[in-house]
Amino acid sequence: MAAFLPCGRICRDRKENYMQDFFEELGSILFLLLTGIGICAVYIHFVQLID
């Protein structure tokens, strides 16, 4: 039984690291998406002002 404990701990650590990486990737993707939407909104706003 004791032989399985390190594997369980390593698997749990890997899962936590995977989730942390996943949320970091998700956060960066959302940040880029919102930045792109903001730039498009400002561009459309200025185009409407010029017209």
N, C-alpha and C. Protein backbone atom coordinates (compact mmCIF):
# COMPACT_ATOMS: atom_id res chain seq x y z
N MET A 1 0.83 -1.20 0.00
CA MET A 1 0.00 0.00 0.00
C MET A 1 0.87 1.26 0.00
N ALA A 2 1.98 1.20 0.73
CA ALA A 2 2.84 2.38 0.83
C ALA A 2 3.48 2.71 -0.51
N ALA A 3 3.63 1.71 -1.39
CA ALA A 3 4.28 1.95 -2.68
C ALA A 3 3.41 2.84 -3.57
N PHE A 4 2.12 2.84 -3.35
CA PHE A 4 1.22 3.63 -4.20
C PHE A 4 1.12 5.09 -3.75
N LEU A 5 1.52 5.38 -2.52
CA LEU A 5 1.35 6.74 -2.00
C LEU A 5 2.15 7.79 -2.78
N PRO A 6 3.45 7.55 -3.10
CA PRO A 6 4.17 8.58 -3.86
C PRO A 6 3.54 8.84 -5.22
N CYS A 7 3.07 7.76 -5.88
CA CYS A 7 2.44 7.93 -7.19
C CYS A 7 1.20 8.80 -7.07
N GLY A 8 0.40 8.55 -6.03
CA GLY A 8 -0.81 9.35 -5.83
C GLY A 8 -0.48 10.81 -5.59
N ARG A 9 0.58 11.04 -4.80
CA ARG A 9 0.96 12.43 -4.53
C ARG A 9 1.47 13.11 -5.79
N ILE A 10 2.28 12.39 -6.58
CA ILE A 10 2.81 12.97 -7.82
C ILE A 10 1.66 13.25 -8.79
N CYS A 11 0.73 12.30 -8.91
CA CYS A 11 -0.40 12.50 -9.82
C CYS A 11 -1.23 13.71 -9.39
N ARG A 12 -1.41 13.86 -8.08
CA ARG A 12 -2.19 15.00 -7.59
C ARG A 12 -1.45 16.31 -7.88
N ASP A 13 -0.13 16.32 -7.67
CA ASP A 13 0.65 17.53 -7.95
C ASP A 13 0.60 17.86 -9.43
N ARG A 14 0.70 16.84 -10.26
CA ARG A 14 0.64 17.09 -11.71
C ARG A 14 -0.73 17.65 -12.10
N LYS A 15 -1.78 17.12 -11.49
CA LYS A 15 -3.12 17.60 -11.81
C LYS A 15 -3.27 19.06 -11.39
N GLU A 16 -2.76 19.40 -10.19
CA GLU A 16 -2.85 20.80 -9.74
C GLU A 16 -2.05 21.71 -10.65
N ASN A 17 -0.85 21.26 -11.06
CA ASN A 17 -0.05 22.09 -11.96
C ASN A 17 -0.75 22.24 -13.31
N TYR A 18 -1.37 21.15 -13.78
CA TYR A 18 -2.09 21.22 -15.05
C TYR A 18 -3.24 22.21 -14.96
N MET A 19 -3.99 22.17 -13.85
CA MET A 19 -5.11 23.10 -13.70
C MET A 19 -4.60 24.53 -13.62
N GLN A 20 -3.49 24.73 -12.90
CA GLN A 20 -2.93 26.08 -12.80
C GLN A 20 -2.51 26.58 -14.17
N ASP A 21 -1.83 25.73 -14.95
CA ASP A 21 -1.43 26.13 -16.30
C ASP A 21 -2.65 26.40 -17.16
N PHE A 22 -3.69 25.57 -17.01
CA PHE A 22 -4.90 25.75 -17.80
C PHE A 22 -5.54 27.10 -17.51
N PHE A 23 -5.63 27.47 -16.20
CA PHE A 23 -6.25 28.74 -15.87
C PHE A 23 -5.38 29.91 -16.29
N GLU A 24 -4.05 29.75 -16.26
CA GLU A 24 -3.17 30.82 -16.75
C GLU A 24 -3.36 31.01 -18.24
N GLU A 25 -3.44 29.90 -19.00
CA GLU A 25 -3.68 29.99 -20.43
C GLU A 25 -5.05 30.62 -20.70
N LEU A 26 -6.06 30.18 -19.95
CA LEU A 26 -7.41 30.73 -20.14
C LEU A 26 -7.43 32.22 -19.85
N GLY A 27 -6.74 32.63 -18.79
CA GLY A 27 -6.69 34.06 -18.45
C GLY A 27 -6.00 34.87 -19.53
N SER A 28 -4.91 34.35 -20.09
CA SER A 28 -4.21 35.10 -21.13
C SER A 28 -5.05 35.17 -22.40
N ILE A 29 -5.75 34.08 -22.73
CA ILE A 29 -6.61 34.09 -23.91
C ILE A 29 -7.76 35.08 -23.73
N LEU A 30 -8.39 35.08 -22.54
CA LEU A 30 -9.47 36.03 -22.28
C LEU A 30 -8.96 37.46 -22.32
N PHE A 31 -7.76 37.69 -21.78
CA PHE A 31 -7.19 39.04 -21.80
C PHE A 31 -6.97 39.50 -23.24
N LEU A 32 -6.39 38.64 -24.08
CA LEU A 32 -6.17 39.01 -25.48
C LEU A 32 -7.49 39.22 -26.20
N LEU A 33 -8.48 38.38 -25.92
CA LEU A 33 -9.78 38.51 -26.56
C LEU A 33 -10.44 39.83 -26.19
N LEU A 34 -10.44 40.16 -24.89
CA LEU A 34 -11.05 41.41 -24.44
C LEU A 34 -10.28 42.61 -24.98
N THR A 35 -8.96 42.50 -25.05
CA THR A 35 -8.16 43.60 -25.61
C THR A 35 -8.51 43.81 -27.08
N GLY A 36 -8.64 42.72 -27.82
CA GLY A 36 -9.01 42.82 -29.23
C GLY A 36 -10.39 43.43 -29.41
N ILE A 37 -11.34 43.02 -28.57
CA ILE A 37 -12.69 43.58 -28.65
C ILE A 37 -12.65 45.07 -28.32
N GLY A 38 -11.86 45.44 -27.31
CA GLY A 38 -11.75 46.86 -26.94
C GLY A 38 -11.15 47.69 -28.06
N ILE A 39 -10.11 47.18 -28.71
CA ILE A 39 -9.49 47.90 -29.83
C ILE A 39 -10.48 48.05 -30.97
N CYS A 40 -11.21 46.98 -31.27
CA CYS A 40 -12.22 47.05 -32.34
C CYS A 40 -13.30 48.06 -31.99
N ALA A 41 -13.74 48.08 -30.74
CA ALA A 41 -14.79 49.02 -30.33
C ALA A 41 -14.32 50.46 -30.46
N VAL A 42 -13.09 50.73 -30.05
CA VAL A 42 -12.54 52.09 -30.17
C VAL A 42 -12.41 52.47 -31.64
N TYR A 43 -11.94 51.53 -32.48
CA TYR A 43 -11.79 51.80 -33.91
C TYR A 43 -13.14 52.12 -34.54
N ILE A 44 -14.16 51.31 -34.25
CA ILE A 44 -15.50 51.55 -34.80
C ILE A 44 -16.04 52.89 -34.31
N HIS A 45 -15.79 53.21 -33.05
CA HIS A 45 -16.26 54.47 -32.48
C HIS A 45 -15.65 55.66 -33.23
N PHE A 46 -14.33 55.61 -33.49
CA PHE A 46 -13.68 56.71 -34.20
C PHE A 46 -14.11 56.78 -35.65
N VAL A 47 -14.35 55.63 -36.28
CA VAL A 47 -14.84 55.63 -37.66
C VAL A 47 -16.20 56.30 -37.73
N GLN A 48 -17.07 56.03 -36.75
CA GLN A 48 -18.38 56.66 -36.73
C GLN A 48 -18.26 58.16 -36.47
N LEU A 49 -17.29 58.57 -35.64
CA LEU A 49 -17.10 60.00 -35.39
C LEU A 49 -16.64 60.71 -36.65
N ILE A 50 -15.76 60.07 -37.42
CA ILE A 50 -15.25 60.70 -38.65
C ILE A 50 -16.38 60.83 -39.67
N ASP A 51 -17.20 59.79 -39.77
CA ASP A 51 -18.32 59.86 -40.71
C ASP A 51 -19.36 60.82 -40.16
